[in-house]
Amino acid sequence: MTWILKKLGAVETLFLMIGNERKYLEKINVDTTSTADIKWSAHVITRWFQRSDAPTTMMSYDPTKESDPVLYTSTLPAPAKPIGTGRPFSKPSVIRASTPNKSSRNGAAIKQVVMHYTTSANAEGTISWFANPASQVSAHYLVGTDGKIWQFCADTEKAWHAAGANNDSIGIEHVAEPGDVMTELQSRASAALCNFLLSETGYRSQP
């Protein structure tokens, strides 16, 4: 049996469990309040860990009364790592933001990450613009100069950021005016996000 154990009070701390013991195979970072994220995590789990029985049950525990589960011993087979970067990366913390400007990928696989900059000096204007249905524009993520990351739609959805490439890409906006250089915090956040996305999608850059 495969299931997910959720730590109460820590929305994004989940443990993929095998069997009934309180031992975990891998930590998973998803938003448990999002149905799309839960469905997405089941897909990732079946691919990462080569499981045919994707978890159908999520159980919770109170960390004030029970200790965290422990990692399975090394005598057990190591979980399969995703293709692409060769090892899994945790998803950076994101701030959820909304946009009506999104649609279905219609089954298209993600093959690329497209980087943009906002041409404005602050995140608020871009967040407001993406929330406006009249703009007909969005991206999956926005990275601020302080390293904060906003997410506007699920990776499985199509954002409207790059004409002709929306169907198979993830769009990342960066707060910057023309001629600006990314701050160190922004650069680190963007790199962490890209590492995660490339690991999750299994995308390989071509030599």
N, C-alpha and C. Protein backbone atom coordinates (compact mmCIF):
# COMPACT_ATOMS: atom_id res chain seq x y z
N MET A 1 0.84 -1.19 0.00
CA MET A 1 0.00 0.00 0.00
C MET A 1 0.88 1.24 0.00
N THR A 2 0.51 2.22 -0.81
CA THR A 2 1.22 3.49 -0.87
C THR A 2 0.28 4.60 -0.42
N TRP A 3 0.76 5.47 0.45
CA TRP A 3 -0.08 6.56 0.90
C TRP A 3 0.78 7.75 1.28
N ILE A 4 0.12 8.86 1.54
CA ILE A 4 0.83 10.10 1.88
C ILE A 4 0.48 10.48 3.31
N LEU A 5 1.50 10.83 4.07
CA LEU A 5 1.31 11.31 5.44
C LEU A 5 1.57 12.80 5.48
N LYS A 6 0.62 13.53 6.00
CA LYS A 6 0.72 14.99 6.07
C LYS A 6 0.97 15.43 7.50
N LYS A 7 1.94 16.31 7.67
CA LYS A 7 2.26 16.88 8.97
C LYS A 7 1.36 18.08 9.23
N LEU A 8 0.51 18.00 10.24
CA LEU A 8 -0.41 19.10 10.54
C LEU A 8 0.37 20.37 10.86
N GLY A 9 -0.14 21.49 10.34
CA GLY A 9 0.51 22.78 10.58
C GLY A 9 1.63 23.08 9.62
N ALA A 10 1.91 22.17 8.72
CA ALA A 10 2.97 22.37 7.72
C ALA A 10 2.43 21.91 6.38
N VAL A 11 1.75 22.82 5.69
CA VAL A 11 0.98 22.47 4.51
C VAL A 11 1.80 21.73 3.46
N GLU A 12 3.07 22.10 3.31
CA GLU A 12 3.83 21.52 2.22
C GLU A 12 4.80 20.42 2.69
N THR A 13 4.63 19.92 3.93
CA THR A 13 5.47 18.84 4.39
C THR A 13 4.70 17.54 4.32
N LEU A 14 5.03 16.72 3.33
CA LEU A 14 4.36 15.45 3.10
C LEU A 14 5.40 14.34 3.02
N PHE A 15 4.99 13.14 3.39
CA PHE A 15 5.88 12.00 3.31
C PHE A 15 5.20 10.91 2.48
N LEU A 16 5.87 10.40 1.46
CA LEU A 16 5.36 9.26 0.72
C LEU A 16 5.67 8.01 1.52
N MET A 17 4.62 7.28 1.89
CA MET A 17 4.77 6.13 2.76
C MET A 17 4.51 4.83 1.99
N ILE A 18 5.27 3.81 2.34
CA ILE A 18 5.05 2.47 1.78
C ILE A 18 4.71 1.54 2.94
N GLY A 19 3.56 0.88 2.89
CA GLY A 19 3.14 0.00 3.97
C GLY A 19 2.59 0.78 5.15
N ASN A 20 2.46 0.12 6.29
CA ASN A 20 1.82 0.73 7.45
C ASN A 20 2.80 1.28 8.47
N GLU A 21 4.10 1.07 8.24
CA GLU A 21 5.08 1.59 9.18
C GLU A 21 5.26 3.09 8.99
N ARG A 22 5.64 3.74 10.08
CA ARG A 22 5.88 5.17 9.99
C ARG A 22 7.30 5.43 9.48
N LYS A 23 7.56 4.92 8.29
CA LYS A 23 8.83 5.17 7.64
C LYS A 23 8.52 5.69 6.25
N TYR A 24 9.24 6.72 5.81
CA TYR A 24 8.91 7.33 4.53
C TYR A 24 9.96 7.03 3.47
N LEU A 25 9.50 7.03 2.24
CA LEU A 25 10.36 6.78 1.09
C LEU A 25 10.96 8.09 0.56
N GLU A 26 10.17 9.15 0.59
CA GLU A 26 10.65 10.43 0.08
C GLU A 26 9.73 11.54 0.57
N LYS A 27 10.30 12.71 0.80
CA LYS A 27 9.49 13.88 1.10
C LYS A 27 8.94 14.44 -0.21
N ILE A 28 7.75 15.01 -0.13
CA ILE A 28 7.09 15.57 -1.32
C ILE A 28 6.67 16.99 -0.99
N ASN A 29 6.93 17.92 -1.87
CA ASN A 29 6.53 19.30 -1.67
C ASN A 29 5.42 19.68 -2.64
N VAL A 30 4.19 19.68 -2.15
CA VAL A 30 3.05 20.14 -2.94
C VAL A 30 2.11 20.90 -2.04
N ASP A 31 1.22 21.65 -2.63
CA ASP A 31 0.20 22.38 -1.89
C ASP A 31 -0.99 21.44 -1.70
N THR A 32 -1.21 20.99 -0.48
CA THR A 32 -2.28 20.01 -0.24
C THR A 32 -3.67 20.62 -0.31
N THR A 33 -3.75 21.94 -0.43
CA THR A 33 -5.06 22.57 -0.60
C THR A 33 -5.46 22.62 -2.07
N SER A 34 -4.55 22.22 -2.94
CA SER A 34 -4.80 22.29 -4.39
C SER A 34 -5.09 20.90 -4.94
N THR A 35 -6.27 20.71 -5.48
CA THR A 35 -6.62 19.43 -6.10
C THR A 35 -5.68 19.12 -7.26
N ALA A 36 -5.35 20.15 -8.04
CA ALA A 36 -4.45 19.95 -9.17
C ALA A 36 -3.08 19.47 -8.71
N ASP A 37 -2.57 20.03 -7.59
CA ASP A 37 -1.28 19.62 -7.08
C ASP A 37 -1.29 18.18 -6.60
N ILE A 38 -2.39 17.78 -5.96
CA ILE A 38 -2.49 16.41 -5.47
C ILE A 38 -2.50 15.43 -6.64
N LYS A 39 -3.28 15.75 -7.69
CA LYS A 39 -3.31 14.89 -8.87
C LYS A 39 -1.94 14.83 -9.51
N TRP A 40 -1.28 15.99 -9.55
CA TRP A 40 0.05 16.07 -10.15
C TRP A 40 1.05 15.24 -9.35
N SER A 41 0.95 15.28 -8.02
CA SER A 41 1.88 14.53 -7.19
C SER A 41 1.73 13.04 -7.40
N ALA A 42 0.49 12.59 -7.61
CA ALA A 42 0.26 11.16 -7.86
C ALA A 42 0.96 10.74 -9.15
N HIS A 43 0.90 11.60 -10.16
CA HIS A 43 1.57 11.31 -11.43
C HIS A 43 3.08 11.24 -11.23
N VAL A 44 3.62 12.19 -10.48
CA VAL A 44 5.06 12.23 -10.26
C VAL A 44 5.52 11.00 -9.47
N ILE A 45 4.71 10.63 -8.47
CA ILE A 45 5.09 9.50 -7.62
C ILE A 45 5.18 8.22 -8.43
N THR A 46 4.21 7.99 -9.30
CA THR A 46 4.22 6.77 -10.09
C THR A 46 5.43 6.73 -11.02
N ARG A 47 5.87 7.91 -11.48
CA ARG A 47 7.03 7.95 -12.38
C ARG A 47 8.34 7.87 -11.59
N TRP A 48 8.46 8.68 -10.53
CA TRP A 48 9.70 8.72 -9.74
C TRP A 48 10.01 7.38 -9.11
N PHE A 49 8.97 6.81 -8.48
CA PHE A 49 9.20 5.62 -7.68
C PHE A 49 8.76 4.34 -8.38
N GLN A 50 8.38 4.49 -9.65
CA GLN A 50 7.99 3.34 -10.47
C GLN A 50 6.93 2.50 -9.75
N ARG A 51 5.94 3.22 -9.19
CA ARG A 51 4.86 2.56 -8.50
C ARG A 51 3.65 2.46 -9.41
N SER A 52 2.98 1.33 -9.38
CA SER A 52 1.74 1.19 -10.14
C SER A 52 0.53 1.55 -9.29
N ASP A 53 0.75 1.67 -7.98
CA ASP A 53 -0.34 1.99 -7.06
C ASP A 53 -0.16 3.40 -6.51
N ALA A 54 -0.53 4.39 -7.30
CA ALA A 54 -0.43 5.78 -6.86
C ALA A 54 -1.27 5.96 -5.60
N PRO A 55 -0.79 6.78 -4.66
CA PRO A 55 -1.50 6.92 -3.39
C PRO A 55 -2.91 7.47 -3.57
N THR A 56 -3.84 6.84 -2.89
CA THR A 56 -5.23 7.29 -2.94
C THR A 56 -5.67 7.80 -1.57
N THR A 57 -4.81 7.65 -0.58
CA THR A 57 -5.17 8.04 0.78
C THR A 57 -4.15 9.04 1.31
N MET A 58 -4.66 10.12 1.93
CA MET A 58 -3.78 11.05 2.62
C MET A 58 -4.17 11.04 4.10
N MET A 59 -3.21 10.75 4.95
CA MET A 59 -3.44 10.72 6.39
C MET A 59 -2.65 11.84 7.04
N SER A 60 -3.12 12.31 8.18
CA SER A 60 -2.46 13.41 8.89
C SER A 60 -2.03 12.94 10.27
N TYR A 61 -1.05 13.63 10.80
CA TYR A 61 -0.65 13.37 12.18
C TYR A 61 -0.28 14.67 12.86
N ASP A 62 -0.37 14.68 14.18
CA ASP A 62 -0.09 15.86 14.99
C ASP A 62 1.35 15.77 15.49
N PRO A 63 2.24 16.67 15.00
CA PRO A 63 3.65 16.58 15.39
C PRO A 63 3.89 16.87 16.88
N THR A 64 2.87 17.41 17.57
CA THR A 64 3.04 17.65 19.02
C THR A 64 2.79 16.37 19.81
N LYS A 65 2.19 15.38 19.13
CA LYS A 65 1.88 14.12 19.81
C LYS A 65 2.64 12.93 19.23
N GLU A 66 3.04 13.05 17.97
CA GLU A 66 3.76 11.97 17.31
C GLU A 66 5.01 12.52 16.65
N SER A 67 6.05 11.71 16.63
CA SER A 67 7.30 12.14 16.00
C SER A 67 7.20 11.99 14.49
N ASP A 68 8.08 12.68 13.80
CA ASP A 68 8.13 12.56 12.35
C ASP A 68 8.52 11.13 11.98
N PRO A 69 8.04 10.65 10.85
CA PRO A 69 8.47 9.32 10.40
C PRO A 69 9.96 9.35 10.05
N VAL A 70 10.56 8.20 10.02
CA VAL A 70 11.99 8.11 9.71
C VAL A 70 12.16 7.55 8.30
N LEU A 71 13.29 7.84 7.72
CA LEU A 71 13.58 7.37 6.37
C LEU A 71 13.81 5.87 6.37
N TYR A 72 13.35 5.22 5.32
CA TYR A 72 13.61 3.79 5.18
C TYR A 72 15.10 3.51 5.23
N THR A 73 15.48 2.37 5.73
CA THR A 73 16.90 2.02 5.81
C THR A 73 17.48 1.78 4.42
N SER A 74 18.77 1.85 4.31
CA SER A 74 19.44 1.73 3.02
C SER A 74 19.37 0.32 2.46
N THR A 75 18.88 -0.64 3.26
CA THR A 75 18.76 -2.00 2.76
C THR A 75 17.63 -2.14 1.75
N LEU A 76 16.74 -1.15 1.73
CA LEU A 76 15.64 -1.17 0.78
C LEU A 76 16.10 -0.54 -0.54
N PRO A 77 15.48 -0.90 -1.65
CA PRO A 77 15.86 -0.31 -2.94
C PRO A 77 15.68 1.20 -2.93
N ALA A 78 16.66 1.90 -3.46
CA ALA A 78 16.56 3.35 -3.53
C ALA A 78 15.49 3.73 -4.55
N PRO A 79 14.74 4.80 -4.29
CA PRO A 79 13.73 5.22 -5.25
C PRO A 79 14.37 5.68 -6.55
N ALA A 80 13.68 5.45 -7.65
CA ALA A 80 14.18 5.87 -8.95
C ALA A 80 14.18 7.38 -9.03
N LYS A 81 15.22 7.95 -9.55
CA LYS A 81 15.32 9.40 -9.69
C LYS A 81 14.76 9.83 -11.04
N PRO A 82 14.21 11.04 -11.11
CA PRO A 82 13.63 11.48 -12.37
C PRO A 82 14.69 11.75 -13.43
N ILE A 83 14.30 11.63 -14.68
CA ILE A 83 15.23 11.94 -15.76
C ILE A 83 15.39 13.45 -15.85
N GLY A 84 16.31 13.91 -16.62
CA GLY A 84 16.53 15.34 -16.79
C GLY A 84 17.78 15.73 -16.05
N THR A 85 17.64 16.21 -14.82
CA THR A 85 18.81 16.63 -14.05
C THR A 85 19.48 15.46 -13.36
N GLY A 86 18.79 14.33 -13.26
CA GLY A 86 19.37 13.16 -12.63
C GLY A 86 19.09 13.06 -11.15
N ARG A 87 18.55 14.08 -10.53
CA ARG A 87 18.19 14.00 -9.12
C ARG A 87 17.04 14.96 -8.85
N PRO A 88 16.19 14.63 -7.87
CA PRO A 88 15.05 15.49 -7.61
C PRO A 88 15.43 16.75 -6.86
N PHE A 89 14.74 17.83 -7.10
CA PHE A 89 14.92 19.08 -6.38
C PHE A 89 13.60 19.45 -5.71
N SER A 90 13.68 20.00 -4.52
CA SER A 90 12.47 20.45 -3.84
C SER A 90 11.97 21.72 -4.50
N LYS A 91 10.66 21.90 -4.47
CA LYS A 91 10.08 23.11 -5.03
C LYS A 91 10.32 24.28 -4.08
N PRO A 92 10.83 25.41 -4.58
CA PRO A 92 10.99 26.57 -3.71
C PRO A 92 9.62 27.03 -3.20
N SER A 93 9.62 27.72 -2.08
CA SER A 93 8.37 28.25 -1.55
C SER A 93 7.79 29.26 -2.53
N VAL A 94 6.48 29.20 -2.75
CA VAL A 94 5.83 30.12 -3.67
C VAL A 94 4.65 30.79 -2.98
N ILE A 95 4.32 31.97 -3.46
CA ILE A 95 3.14 32.70 -3.02
C ILE A 95 2.07 32.48 -4.07
N ARG A 96 0.94 31.98 -3.68
CA ARG A 96 -0.13 31.71 -4.64
C ARG A 96 -0.79 33.00 -5.08
N ALA A 97 -0.93 33.16 -6.37
CA ALA A 97 -1.60 34.32 -6.96
C ALA A 97 -2.53 33.80 -8.06
N SER A 98 -3.53 34.58 -8.39
CA SER A 98 -4.53 34.09 -9.35
C SER A 98 -4.43 34.81 -10.69
N THR A 99 -4.87 34.11 -11.71
CA THR A 99 -5.02 34.70 -13.04
C THR A 99 -6.13 33.97 -13.78
N PRO A 100 -6.97 34.71 -14.50
CA PRO A 100 -7.97 34.05 -15.34
C PRO A 100 -7.40 33.70 -16.71
N ASN A 101 -6.19 34.17 -16.96
CA ASN A 101 -5.58 34.04 -18.29
C ASN A 101 -4.76 32.76 -18.39
N LYS A 102 -5.46 31.65 -18.52
CA LYS A 102 -4.82 30.35 -18.62
C LYS A 102 -5.77 29.40 -19.33
N SER A 103 -5.24 28.27 -19.77
CA SER A 103 -6.08 27.29 -20.47
C SER A 103 -5.41 25.93 -20.40
N SER A 104 -6.00 24.95 -21.07
CA SER A 104 -5.48 23.58 -21.05
C SER A 104 -4.32 23.41 -22.02
N ARG A 105 -3.40 22.54 -21.66
CA ARG A 105 -2.31 22.18 -22.58
C ARG A 105 -2.78 21.16 -23.62
N ASN A 106 -3.95 20.62 -23.42
CA ASN A 106 -4.50 19.62 -24.35
C ASN A 106 -3.56 18.43 -24.54
N GLY A 107 -2.96 18.02 -23.44
CA GLY A 107 -2.12 16.83 -23.48
C GLY A 107 -0.69 17.06 -23.91
N ALA A 108 -0.31 18.29 -24.25
CA ALA A 108 1.06 18.55 -24.71
C ALA A 108 2.05 18.39 -23.56
N ALA A 109 3.20 17.78 -23.83
CA ALA A 109 4.25 17.62 -22.83
C ALA A 109 5.07 18.90 -22.71
N ILE A 110 5.56 19.17 -21.51
CA ILE A 110 6.40 20.35 -21.29
C ILE A 110 7.80 20.07 -21.81
N LYS A 111 8.30 20.95 -22.68
CA LYS A 111 9.60 20.74 -23.31
C LYS A 111 10.59 21.87 -23.08
N GLN A 112 10.10 23.00 -22.53
CA GLN A 112 11.00 24.13 -22.39
C GLN A 112 10.54 25.07 -21.29
N VAL A 113 11.50 25.84 -20.79
CA VAL A 113 11.22 26.92 -19.85
C VAL A 113 11.56 28.23 -20.54
N VAL A 114 10.61 29.15 -20.57
CA VAL A 114 10.81 30.43 -21.24
C VAL A 114 10.95 31.52 -20.18
N MET A 115 12.04 32.27 -20.26
CA MET A 115 12.34 33.32 -19.28
C MET A 115 11.99 34.69 -19.84
N HIS A 116 11.34 35.50 -19.03
CA HIS A 116 10.98 36.86 -19.41
C HIS A 116 11.41 37.84 -18.32
N TYR A 117 11.41 39.12 -18.66
CA TYR A 117 11.47 40.14 -17.60
C TYR A 117 10.30 41.09 -17.81
N THR A 118 9.89 41.73 -16.71
CA THR A 118 8.60 42.45 -16.69
C THR A 118 8.64 43.84 -17.31
N THR A 119 9.81 44.44 -17.43
CA THR A 119 10.02 45.83 -17.85
C THR A 119 9.48 46.83 -16.83
N SER A 120 9.19 46.38 -15.63
CA SER A 120 8.76 47.28 -14.55
C SER A 120 9.59 46.99 -13.31
N ALA A 121 9.60 47.95 -12.39
CA ALA A 121 10.49 47.87 -11.23
C ALA A 121 9.87 47.18 -10.03
N ASN A 122 8.60 46.83 -10.10
CA ASN A 122 7.97 46.20 -8.95
C ASN A 122 7.08 45.04 -9.37
N ALA A 123 6.83 44.14 -8.43
CA ALA A 123 6.02 42.95 -8.71
C ALA A 123 4.53 43.26 -8.74
N GLU A 124 4.11 44.25 -7.98
CA GLU A 124 2.68 44.50 -7.82
C GLU A 124 1.97 44.79 -9.14
N GLY A 125 2.62 45.56 -10.01
CA GLY A 125 2.01 45.89 -11.29
C GLY A 125 1.79 44.66 -12.15
N THR A 126 2.77 43.76 -12.14
CA THR A 126 2.65 42.53 -12.93
C THR A 126 1.56 41.62 -12.35
N ILE A 127 1.51 41.52 -11.03
CA ILE A 127 0.49 40.69 -10.38
C ILE A 127 -0.91 41.21 -10.75
N SER A 128 -1.07 42.52 -10.71
CA SER A 128 -2.35 43.14 -11.06
C SER A 128 -2.68 42.91 -12.54
N TRP A 129 -1.68 43.01 -13.39
CA TRP A 129 -1.89 42.84 -14.83
C TRP A 129 -2.30 41.42 -15.17
N PHE A 130 -1.65 40.46 -14.53
CA PHE A 130 -2.00 39.05 -14.75
C PHE A 130 -3.40 38.73 -14.23
N ALA A 131 -3.86 39.45 -13.22
CA ALA A 131 -5.18 39.21 -12.64
C ALA A 131 -6.29 39.84 -13.48
N ASN A 132 -5.93 40.65 -14.45
CA ASN A 132 -6.89 41.37 -15.28
C ASN A 132 -7.22 40.54 -16.52
N PRO A 133 -8.46 40.09 -16.68
CA PRO A 133 -8.79 39.26 -17.86
C PRO A 133 -8.61 40.01 -19.17
N ALA A 134 -8.67 41.34 -19.12
CA ALA A 134 -8.52 42.13 -20.34
C ALA A 134 -7.08 42.09 -20.87
N SER A 135 -6.12 41.78 -19.99
CA SER A 135 -4.72 41.78 -20.43
C SER A 135 -4.41 40.59 -21.34
N GLN A 136 -5.13 39.46 -21.13
CA GLN A 136 -4.90 38.25 -21.91
C GLN A 136 -3.44 37.79 -21.81
N VAL A 137 -2.83 38.05 -20.65
CA VAL A 137 -1.42 37.72 -20.45
C VAL A 137 -1.24 37.07 -19.07
N SER A 138 -0.32 36.13 -18.99
CA SER A 138 0.02 35.52 -17.70
C SER A 138 1.35 34.80 -17.85
N ALA A 139 1.83 34.29 -16.75
CA ALA A 139 2.99 33.40 -16.74
C ALA A 139 2.76 32.42 -15.60
N HIS A 140 3.52 31.37 -15.57
CA HIS A 140 3.38 30.44 -14.45
C HIS A 140 3.96 31.02 -13.16
N TYR A 141 5.11 31.71 -13.31
CA TYR A 141 5.80 32.21 -12.12
C TYR A 141 6.29 33.64 -12.34
N LEU A 142 6.45 34.35 -11.22
CA LEU A 142 7.07 35.67 -11.21
C LEU A 142 8.10 35.67 -10.09
N VAL A 143 9.33 36.06 -10.40
CA VAL A 143 10.41 36.09 -9.42
C VAL A 143 10.76 37.54 -9.11
N GLY A 144 10.62 37.93 -7.84
CA GLY A 144 10.89 39.30 -7.43
C GLY A 144 12.37 39.54 -7.18
N THR A 145 12.75 40.79 -7.06
CA THR A 145 14.15 41.14 -6.81
C THR A 145 14.60 40.68 -5.42
N ASP A 146 13.64 40.45 -4.52
CA ASP A 146 13.97 39.99 -3.18
C ASP A 146 13.97 38.46 -3.07
N GLY A 147 13.78 37.78 -4.20
CA GLY A 147 13.79 36.33 -4.21
C GLY A 147 12.45 35.67 -4.00
N LYS A 148 11.40 36.47 -3.76
CA LYS A 148 10.06 35.90 -3.61
C LYS A 148 9.57 35.38 -4.96
N ILE A 149 8.83 34.28 -4.92
CA ILE A 149 8.30 33.67 -6.13
C ILE A 149 6.79 33.58 -6.03
N TRP A 150 6.09 34.11 -7.02
CA TRP A 150 4.63 33.98 -7.10
C TRP A 150 4.29 32.94 -8.16
N GLN A 151 3.28 32.13 -7.89
CA GLN A 151 2.80 31.16 -8.87
C GLN A 151 1.36 31.49 -9.23
N PHE A 152 1.08 31.61 -10.54
CA PHE A 152 -0.23 32.05 -11.01
C PHE A 152 -1.10 30.92 -11.52
N CYS A 153 -0.51 29.87 -12.03
CA CYS A 153 -1.29 28.73 -12.47
C CYS A 153 -0.44 27.48 -12.33
N ALA A 154 -1.08 26.34 -12.33
CA ALA A 154 -0.37 25.07 -12.17
C ALA A 154 0.54 24.81 -13.36
N ASP A 155 1.60 24.08 -13.13
CA ASP A 155 2.52 23.73 -14.22
C ASP A 155 1.80 22.94 -15.31
N THR A 156 0.78 22.19 -14.91
CA THR A 156 0.04 21.38 -15.87
C THR A 156 -0.87 22.22 -16.77
N GLU A 157 -1.08 23.49 -16.40
CA GLU A 157 -1.92 24.38 -17.19
C GLU A 157 -1.08 25.21 -18.15
N LYS A 158 -1.71 25.77 -19.15
CA LYS A 158 -1.03 26.62 -20.13
C LYS A 158 -1.19 28.09 -19.74
N ALA A 159 -0.08 28.75 -19.49
CA ALA A 159 -0.09 30.20 -19.27
C ALA A 159 0.09 30.89 -20.61
N TRP A 160 -0.29 32.17 -20.67
CA TRP A 160 -0.26 32.91 -21.94
C TRP A 160 0.89 33.91 -21.90
N HIS A 161 2.06 33.45 -22.23
CA HIS A 161 3.26 34.28 -22.07
C HIS A 161 4.16 34.31 -23.29
N ALA A 162 4.04 33.32 -24.18
CA ALA A 162 4.96 33.25 -25.32
C ALA A 162 4.20 32.70 -26.53
N ALA A 163 3.75 33.57 -27.38
CA ALA A 163 2.97 33.16 -28.54
C ALA A 163 3.72 32.10 -29.34
N GLY A 164 3.03 31.00 -29.63
CA GLY A 164 3.63 29.93 -30.39
C GLY A 164 4.36 28.90 -29.56
N ALA A 165 4.60 29.22 -28.27
CA ALA A 165 5.34 28.29 -27.41
C ALA A 165 4.60 27.98 -26.11
N ASN A 166 3.41 28.52 -25.96
CA ASN A 166 2.68 28.35 -24.71
C ASN A 166 2.35 26.90 -24.40
N ASN A 167 2.02 26.13 -25.43
CA ASN A 167 1.51 24.79 -25.21
C ASN A 167 2.49 23.86 -24.50
N ASP A 168 3.79 24.02 -24.78
CA ASP A 168 4.77 23.08 -24.24
C ASP A 168 5.83 23.74 -23.37
N SER A 169 5.50 24.89 -22.78
CA SER A 169 6.51 25.60 -22.00
C SER A 169 5.99 26.06 -20.64
N ILE A 170 6.93 26.32 -19.76
CA ILE A 170 6.68 26.99 -18.48
C ILE A 170 7.22 28.40 -18.62
N GLY A 171 6.43 29.39 -18.23
CA GLY A 171 6.85 30.79 -18.33
C GLY A 171 7.24 31.36 -16.99
N ILE A 172 8.43 31.96 -16.91
CA ILE A 172 8.90 32.59 -15.68
C ILE A 172 9.21 34.06 -15.97
N GLU A 173 8.52 34.96 -15.29
CA GLU A 173 8.79 36.39 -15.37
C GLU A 173 9.74 36.80 -14.25
N HIS A 174 10.57 37.77 -14.52
CA HIS A 174 11.48 38.32 -13.52
C HIS A 174 11.26 39.83 -13.43
N VAL A 175 11.11 40.32 -12.22
CA VAL A 175 10.92 41.76 -12.03
C VAL A 175 12.22 42.48 -12.41
N ALA A 176 12.17 43.28 -13.45
CA ALA A 176 13.35 44.01 -13.91
C ALA A 176 12.94 45.02 -14.97
N GLU A 177 13.64 46.14 -14.98
CA GLU A 177 13.48 47.14 -16.04
C GLU A 177 14.55 46.89 -17.09
N PRO A 178 14.36 47.43 -18.30
CA PRO A 178 15.37 47.25 -19.34
C PRO A 178 16.76 47.68 -18.85
N GLY A 179 17.75 46.83 -19.05
CA GLY A 179 19.11 47.15 -18.63
C GLY A 179 19.46 46.68 -17.23
N ASP A 180 18.46 46.24 -16.44
CA ASP A 180 18.72 45.76 -15.09
C ASP A 180 19.45 44.41 -15.11
N VAL A 181 20.21 44.17 -14.08
CA VAL A 181 20.84 42.87 -13.85
C VAL A 181 20.12 42.24 -12.66
N MET A 182 19.85 40.95 -12.72
CA MET A 182 19.16 40.29 -11.62
C MET A 182 19.94 40.42 -10.32
N THR A 183 19.23 40.62 -9.22
CA THR A 183 19.87 40.64 -7.92
C THR A 183 20.32 39.22 -7.56
N GLU A 184 21.20 39.12 -6.57
CA GLU A 184 21.67 37.79 -6.18
C GLU A 184 20.52 36.92 -5.67
N LEU A 185 19.62 37.52 -4.84
CA LEU A 185 18.49 36.76 -4.32
C LEU A 185 17.57 36.30 -5.45
N GLN A 186 17.36 37.17 -6.40
CA GLN A 186 16.50 36.84 -7.55
C GLN A 186 17.13 35.75 -8.39
N SER A 187 18.43 35.85 -8.61
CA SER A 187 19.13 34.86 -9.42
C SER A 187 19.10 33.48 -8.76
N ARG A 188 19.31 33.46 -7.44
CA ARG A 188 19.29 32.19 -6.71
C ARG A 188 17.90 31.56 -6.73
N ALA A 189 16.87 32.40 -6.56
CA ALA A 189 15.50 31.89 -6.57
C ALA A 189 15.13 31.34 -7.94
N SER A 190 15.53 32.06 -8.98
CA SER A 190 15.23 31.62 -10.34
C SER A 190 15.93 30.31 -10.65
N ALA A 191 17.18 30.18 -10.23
CA ALA A 191 17.93 28.95 -10.48
C ALA A 191 17.31 27.77 -9.74
N ALA A 192 16.89 28.00 -8.50
CA ALA A 192 16.25 26.93 -7.72
C ALA A 192 14.95 26.49 -8.36
N LEU A 193 14.19 27.46 -8.86
CA LEU A 193 12.92 27.14 -9.53
C LEU A 193 13.17 26.36 -10.82
N CYS A 194 14.15 26.78 -11.59
CA CYS A 194 14.47 26.09 -12.85
C CYS A 194 14.96 24.66 -12.58
N ASN A 195 15.79 24.49 -11.56
CA ASN A 195 16.26 23.15 -11.21
C ASN A 195 15.08 22.24 -10.89
N PHE A 196 14.14 22.77 -10.12
CA PHE A 196 12.95 21.99 -9.77
C PHE A 196 12.14 21.64 -11.01
N LEU A 197 11.88 22.63 -11.85
CA LEU A 197 11.05 22.41 -13.03
C LEU A 197 11.69 21.42 -14.00
N LEU A 198 12.98 21.54 -14.21
CA LEU A 198 13.66 20.62 -15.13
C LEU A 198 13.67 19.21 -14.57
N SER A 199 13.80 19.10 -13.26
CA SER A 199 13.75 17.79 -12.63
C SER A 199 12.37 17.18 -12.74
N GLU A 200 11.33 17.99 -12.51
CA GLU A 200 9.97 17.48 -12.53
C GLU A 200 9.51 17.07 -13.93
N THR A 201 9.83 17.87 -14.91
CA THR A 201 9.36 17.59 -16.26
C THR A 201 10.19 16.57 -16.99
N GLY A 202 11.41 16.34 -16.49
CA GLY A 202 12.29 15.41 -17.19
C GLY A 202 12.86 16.00 -18.46
N TYR A 203 12.80 17.33 -18.60
CA TYR A 203 13.30 17.96 -19.82
C TYR A 203 14.81 17.87 -19.87
N ARG A 204 15.38 17.55 -21.01
CA ARG A 204 16.82 17.52 -21.22
C ARG A 204 17.21 18.58 -22.24
N SER A 205 18.18 19.41 -21.87
CA SER A 205 18.69 20.34 -22.85
C SER A 205 19.51 19.57 -23.87
N GLN A 206 19.50 20.02 -25.09
CA GLN A 206 20.23 19.31 -26.15
C GLN A 206 21.64 19.84 -26.26
N PRO A 207 22.63 18.96 -26.48
CA PRO A 207 24.03 19.42 -26.60
C PRO A 207 24.23 20.26 -27.85
